[in-house]
Amino acid sequence: MTDQDLPAVEVVAGKNENPKNLEESSVLAWWHEVIGDKNAPAGPRAELRRARTLEEVVFVPAFHDLRRRLAGTEWRTVDRLALVAGVLAHVRENDHSKTFAAHMGTPKPGGSKTPLVSPPRFRRLL
């Protein structure tokens, strides 16, 4: 499977305030209700974050909620959905005011001056 096979989801980049289609709006609604909302239960997000493989994500009930919401769309492939659910579990906020790079350079919460992604780690990612 290549990146070209995967539908684009701009929620991760934080640039999509108005979803363009049913899939995007369903994924965004799922993220808000299950993971992103401050009133969302912590359990599903924690389960998804602890999953180390796509197979482990598939065994999390929150994943099946997303799968049901996207039934009948081009997102029928389980591994694609598991990847999206696993990645979105690590997204803490959907802030449209900053670019992805600006988020990476934002200092850690708690008064630290250290960015979320340190310069050496950023170089390794490249």
C-alpha atoms as a PDB file:
ATOM      1  CA  MET A   1       0.000   0.000   0.000  1.00  0.00           C
ATOM      2  CA  THR A   2       1.339   3.454  -0.891  1.00  0.00           C
ATOM      3  CA  ASP A   3       0.499   6.921   0.411  1.00  0.00           C
ATOM      4  CA  GLN A   4      -1.372   7.536  -2.826  1.00  0.00           C
ATOM      5  CA  ASP A   5      -3.810   4.760  -1.894  1.00  0.00           C
ATOM      6  CA  LEU A   6      -4.791   6.514   1.327  1.00  0.00           C
ATOM      7  CA  PRO A   7      -7.437   9.252   1.341  1.00  0.00           C
ATOM      8  CA  ALA A   8      -6.123  12.568   2.635  1.00  0.00           C
ATOM      9  CA  VAL A   9      -7.212  13.589   6.114  1.00  0.00           C
ATOM     10  CA  GLU A  10      -6.164  17.112   7.004  1.00  0.00           C
ATOM     11  CA  VAL A  11      -7.414  16.868  10.591  1.00  0.00           C
ATOM     12  CA  VAL A  12      -3.935  15.730  11.617  1.00  0.00           C
ATOM     13  CA  ALA A  13      -2.370  18.830  10.100  1.00  0.00           C
ATOM     14  CA  GLY A  14      -5.028  21.034  11.687  1.00  0.00           C
ATOM     15  CA  LYS A  15      -5.925  22.938   8.537  1.00  0.00           C
ATOM     16  CA  ASN A  16      -9.406  21.677   7.808  1.00  0.00           C
ATOM     17  CA  GLU A  17     -12.059  23.622   9.664  1.00  0.00           C
ATOM     18  CA  ASN A  18     -14.806  22.792   7.191  1.00  0.00           C
ATOM     19  CA  PRO A  19     -14.708  19.151   6.150  1.00  0.00           C
ATOM     20  CA  LYS A  20     -15.171  18.754   2.417  1.00  0.00           C
ATOM     21  CA  ASN A  21     -16.957  15.434   2.437  1.00  0.00           C
ATOM     22  CA  LEU A  22     -18.757  12.837   4.503  1.00  0.00           C
ATOM     23  CA  GLU A  23     -15.585  10.913   5.332  1.00  0.00           C
ATOM     24  CA  GLU A  24     -13.755  13.943   6.688  1.00  0.00           C
ATOM     25  CA  SER A  25     -16.739  15.144   8.709  1.00  0.00           C
ATOM     26  CA  SER A  26     -17.262  11.632  10.130  1.00  0.00           C
ATOM     27  CA  VAL A  27     -13.603  11.295  11.130  1.00  0.00           C
ATOM     28  CA  LEU A  28     -13.579  14.772  12.659  1.00  0.00           C
ATOM     29  CA  ALA A  29     -16.811  14.102  14.608  1.00  0.00           C
ATOM     30  CA  TRP A  30     -15.406  10.767  15.847  1.00  0.00           C
ATOM     31  CA  TRP A  31     -12.184  12.446  16.963  1.00  0.00           C
ATOM     32  CA  HIS A  32     -14.071  15.167  18.856  1.00  0.00           C
ATOM     33  CA  GLU A  33     -16.460  12.748  20.567  1.00  0.00           C
ATOM     34  CA  VAL A  34     -14.061   9.918  21.368  1.00  0.00           C
ATOM     35  CA  ILE A  35     -10.631  11.531  21.695  1.00  0.00           C
ATOM     36  CA  GLY A  36     -10.384  15.294  21.330  1.00  0.00           C
ATOM     37  CA  ASP A  37     -13.181  16.662  23.479  1.00  0.00           C
ATOM     38  CA  LYS A  38     -12.231  17.511  27.056  1.00  0.00           C
ATOM     39  CA  ASN A  39     -15.379  15.702  28.224  1.00  0.00           C
ATOM     40  CA  ALA A  40     -14.548  12.567  26.231  1.00  0.00           C
ATOM     41  CA  PRO A  41     -13.749   9.532  28.355  1.00  0.00           C
ATOM     42  CA  ALA A  42     -10.021   8.913  28.750  1.00  0.00           C
ATOM     43  CA  GLY A  43     -10.255   5.145  28.280  1.00  0.00           C
ATOM     44  CA  PRO A  44     -10.675   4.886  24.484  1.00  0.00           C
ATOM     45  CA  ARG A  45      -7.896   7.363  23.778  1.00  0.00           C
ATOM     46  CA  ALA A  46      -5.550   5.585  26.182  1.00  0.00           C
ATOM     47  CA  GLU A  47      -6.337   2.191  24.651  1.00  0.00           C
ATOM     48  CA  LEU A  48      -5.610   3.483  21.156  1.00  0.00           C
ATOM     49  CA  ARG A  49      -2.402   5.192  22.261  1.00  0.00           C
ATOM     50  CA  ARG A  50      -1.127   1.991  23.906  1.00  0.00           C
ATOM     51  CA  ALA A  51      -1.734  -0.046  20.750  1.00  0.00           C
ATOM     52  CA  ARG A  52       1.657  -0.792  19.154  1.00  0.00           C
ATOM     53  CA  THR A  53       0.404  -2.417  15.939  1.00  0.00           C
ATOM     54  CA  LEU A  54      -2.549  -2.031  13.615  1.00  0.00           C
ATOM     55  CA  GLU A  55      -3.791  -5.413  14.822  1.00  0.00           C
ATOM     56  CA  GLU A  56      -3.923  -4.096  18.402  1.00  0.00           C
ATOM     57  CA  VAL A  57      -5.855  -0.996  17.249  1.00  0.00           C
ATOM     58  CA  VAL A  58      -8.463  -3.261  15.650  1.00  0.00           C
ATOM     59  CA  PHE A  59      -9.220  -4.789  19.070  1.00  0.00           C
ATOM     60  CA  VAL A  60     -10.113  -1.399  20.594  1.00  0.00           C
ATOM     61  CA  PRO A  61     -13.891  -0.742  20.677  1.00  0.00           C
ATOM     62  CA  ALA A  62     -13.416   2.938  19.701  1.00  0.00           C
ATOM     63  CA  PHE A  63     -11.913   1.762  16.411  1.00  0.00           C
ATOM     64  CA  HIS A  64     -15.128  -0.104  15.600  1.00  0.00           C
ATOM     65  CA  ASP A  65     -17.141   3.032  16.318  1.00  0.00           C
ATOM     66  CA  LEU A  66     -15.102   4.821  13.637  1.00  0.00           C
ATOM     67  CA  ARG A  67     -15.491   1.838  11.299  1.00  0.00           C
ATOM     68  CA  ARG A  68     -19.289   1.906  11.668  1.00  0.00           C
ATOM     69  CA  ARG A  69     -19.393   5.634  10.976  1.00  0.00           C
ATOM     70  CA  LEU A  70     -17.458   5.154   7.741  1.00  0.00           C
ATOM     71  CA  ALA A  71     -19.329   2.069   6.515  1.00  0.00           C
ATOM     72  CA  GLY A  72     -20.258   2.428   2.866  1.00  0.00           C
ATOM     73  CA  THR A  73     -17.472   4.892   2.078  1.00  0.00           C
ATOM     74  CA  GLU A  74     -14.105   4.378   0.389  1.00  0.00           C
ATOM     75  CA  TRP A  75     -12.638   3.822   3.867  1.00  0.00           C
ATOM     76  CA  ARG A  76     -13.625   0.150   3.935  1.00  0.00           C
ATOM     77  CA  THR A  77     -10.099  -1.192   4.376  1.00  0.00           C
ATOM     78  CA  VAL A  78      -9.471  -2.131   7.998  1.00  0.00           C
ATOM     79  CA  ASP A  79      -5.745  -1.354   7.965  1.00  0.00           C
ATOM     80  CA  ARG A  80      -6.380   2.181   6.654  1.00  0.00           C
ATOM     81  CA  LEU A  81      -8.912   2.849   9.379  1.00  0.00           C
ATOM     82  CA  ALA A  82      -6.676   1.361  12.057  1.00  0.00           C
ATOM     83  CA  LEU A  83      -3.833   3.617  10.949  1.00  0.00           C
ATOM     84  CA  VAL A  84      -6.040   6.719  11.069  1.00  0.00           C
ATOM     85  CA  ALA A  85      -7.486   5.800  14.488  1.00  0.00           C
ATOM     86  CA  GLY A  86      -4.047   5.046  15.915  1.00  0.00           C
ATOM     87  CA  VAL A  87      -2.533   8.293  14.689  1.00  0.00           C
ATOM     88  CA  LEU A  88      -5.489  10.454  15.738  1.00  0.00           C
ATOM     89  CA  ALA A  89      -5.278   9.068  19.270  1.00  0.00           C
ATOM     90  CA  HIS A  90      -2.033  11.026  19.593  1.00  0.00           C
ATOM     91  CA  VAL A  91      -3.545  14.326  18.399  1.00  0.00           C
ATOM     92  CA  ARG A  92      -4.398  16.459  21.428  1.00  0.00           C
ATOM     93  CA  GLU A  93      -5.989  19.467  19.787  1.00  0.00           C
ATOM     94  CA  ASN A  94      -7.259  20.580  16.416  1.00  0.00           C
ATOM     95  CA  ASP A  95      -5.890  24.124  16.406  1.00  0.00           C
ATOM     96  CA  HIS A  96      -6.335  25.829  13.055  1.00  0.00           C
ATOM     97  CA  SER A  97      -4.451  28.986  13.989  1.00  0.00           C
ATOM     98  CA  LYS A  98      -0.965  27.436  13.629  1.00  0.00           C
ATOM     99  CA  THR A  99       0.786  25.424  10.972  1.00  0.00           C
ATOM    100  CA  PHE A 100       1.994  21.897  11.703  1.00  0.00           C
ATOM    101  CA  ALA A 101       5.584  23.155  11.957  1.00  0.00           C
ATOM    102  CA  ALA A 102       4.560  25.861  14.439  1.00  0.00           C
ATOM    103  CA  HIS A 103       2.889  23.228  16.617  1.00  0.00           C
ATOM    104  CA  MET A 104       6.078  21.172  16.621  1.00  0.00           C
ATOM    105  CA  GLY A 105       8.095  24.196  17.778  1.00  0.00           C
ATOM    106  CA  THR A 106       5.656  25.227  20.513  1.00  0.00           C
ATOM    107  CA  PRO A 107       7.124  24.902  24.015  1.00  0.00           C
ATOM    108  CA  LYS A 108       5.957  22.001  26.154  1.00  0.00           C
ATOM    109  CA  PRO A 109       3.138  22.763  28.615  1.00  0.00           C
ATOM    110  CA  GLY A 110       4.141  23.720  32.122  1.00  0.00           C
ATOM    111  CA  GLY A 111       6.397  26.689  31.446  1.00  0.00           C
ATOM    112  CA  SER A 112       9.187  24.767  29.732  1.00  0.00           C
ATOM    113  CA  LYS A 113      11.152  26.472  26.981  1.00  0.00           C
ATOM    114  CA  THR A 114      11.876  23.155  25.280  1.00  0.00           C
ATOM    115  CA  PRO A 115       9.831  22.666  22.067  1.00  0.00           C
ATOM    116  CA  LEU A 116       7.550  19.665  21.708  1.00  0.00           C
ATOM    117  CA  VAL A 117       9.938  18.308  19.077  1.00  0.00           C
ATOM    118  CA  SER A 118      13.557  19.099  19.855  1.00  0.00           C
ATOM    119  CA  PRO A 119      15.884  20.193  17.014  1.00  0.00           C
ATOM    120  CA  PRO A 120      17.932  16.938  17.102  1.00  0.00           C
ATOM    121  CA  ARG A 121      14.777  14.834  16.991  1.00  0.00           C
ATOM    122  CA  PHE A 122      13.390  16.937  14.149  1.00  0.00           C
ATOM    123  CA  ARG A 123      16.604  16.363  12.154  1.00  0.00           C
ATOM    124  CA  ARG A 124      16.255  12.597  12.722  1.00  0.00           C
ATOM    125  CA  LEU A 125      12.671  12.742  11.438  1.00  0.00           C
ATOM    126  CA  LEU A 126      13.879  14.337   8.229  1.00  0.00           C
END
